Amino acid sequence: MATRKTPTPVVAEPEPAKCPTCKGTGEVSRTVRVGRKRRTVGRQTGLCLTCLGSGEASTD
């Protein structure tokens, strides 16, 4: 009788660390200021420059 082969266990890759600046979303929001007195009128979202929108922390 042949010996039984056991399948090798599947190891899932660990999830990459989230970017601390955008907290994994890839977007950051900034205050929009308008006029001579520079009054605040709202917020605008943009691409996170730390992770370049991927949401993952850099390895270095």
Protein backbone atom coordinates (compact mmCIF):
# COMPACT_ATOMS: atom_id res chain seq x y z
CA MET A 1 0.00 0.00 0.00
CA ALA A 2 1.28 3.48 -0.88
CA THR A 3 1.96 6.02 1.84
CA ARG A 4 -0.44 8.92 2.18
CA LYS A 5 0.69 12.37 1.21
CA THR A 6 -0.48 15.20 3.41
CA PRO A 7 -1.09 18.48 1.62
CA THR A 8 1.17 21.35 2.54
CA PRO A 9 -0.66 23.94 4.63
CA VAL A 10 -1.53 27.15 2.82
CA VAL A 11 -0.05 30.15 4.58
CA ALA A 12 -1.80 33.45 3.94
CA GLU A 13 0.42 36.46 3.42
CA PRO A 14 0.24 39.01 6.23
CA GLU A 15 -1.66 42.21 5.45
CA PRO A 16 0.66 45.14 4.68
CA ALA A 17 0.85 47.90 7.26
CA LYS A 18 -1.45 50.88 6.76
CA CYS A 19 -0.09 54.32 6.01
CA PRO A 20 0.00 56.42 9.23
CA THR A 21 -0.82 59.67 7.40
CA CYS A 22 -4.02 58.63 5.62
CA LYS A 23 -4.79 55.55 7.78
CA GLY A 24 -5.02 53.28 4.74
CA THR A 25 -7.52 55.28 2.68
CA GLY A 26 -5.04 56.83 0.23
CA GLU A 27 -6.64 60.27 0.58
CA VAL A 28 -6.00 63.20 2.90
CA SER A 29 -8.10 66.31 3.41
CA ARG A 30 -6.83 69.88 3.63
CA THR A 31 -8.51 73.10 4.67
CA VAL A 32 -9.45 75.47 1.83
CA ARG A 33 -8.89 79.17 2.58
CA VAL A 34 -10.28 82.01 0.49
CA GLY A 35 -9.93 85.78 0.31
CA ARG A 36 -7.66 88.42 1.74
CA LYS A 37 -8.47 87.49 5.31
CA ARG A 38 -7.85 83.81 4.48
CA ARG A 39 -11.14 82.63 5.92
CA THR A 40 -11.87 78.91 5.94
CA VAL A 41 -14.62 77.80 3.56
CA GLY A 42 -14.32 74.02 3.61
CA ARG A 43 -12.12 70.99 3.12
CA GLN A 44 -10.74 69.37 -0.03
CA THR A 45 -9.49 65.81 -0.43
CA GLY A 46 -6.36 64.88 -2.32
CA LEU A 47 -3.89 62.08 -2.90
CA CYS A 48 -1.72 61.05 0.07
CA LEU A 49 1.88 61.94 -0.76
CA THR A 50 3.33 59.50 1.78
CA CYS A 51 1.93 56.33 0.18
CA LEU A 52 0.96 57.83 -3.22
CA GLY A 53 -2.64 56.69 -2.83
CA SER A 54 -1.97 53.00 -2.23
CA GLY A 55 -2.82 53.11 1.50
CA GLU A 56 0.16 50.91 2.38
CA ALA A 57 3.09 52.06 4.50
CA SER A 58 6.48 52.21 2.81
CA THR A 59 9.01 49.55 3.74
CA ASP A 60 11.96 51.87 4.32
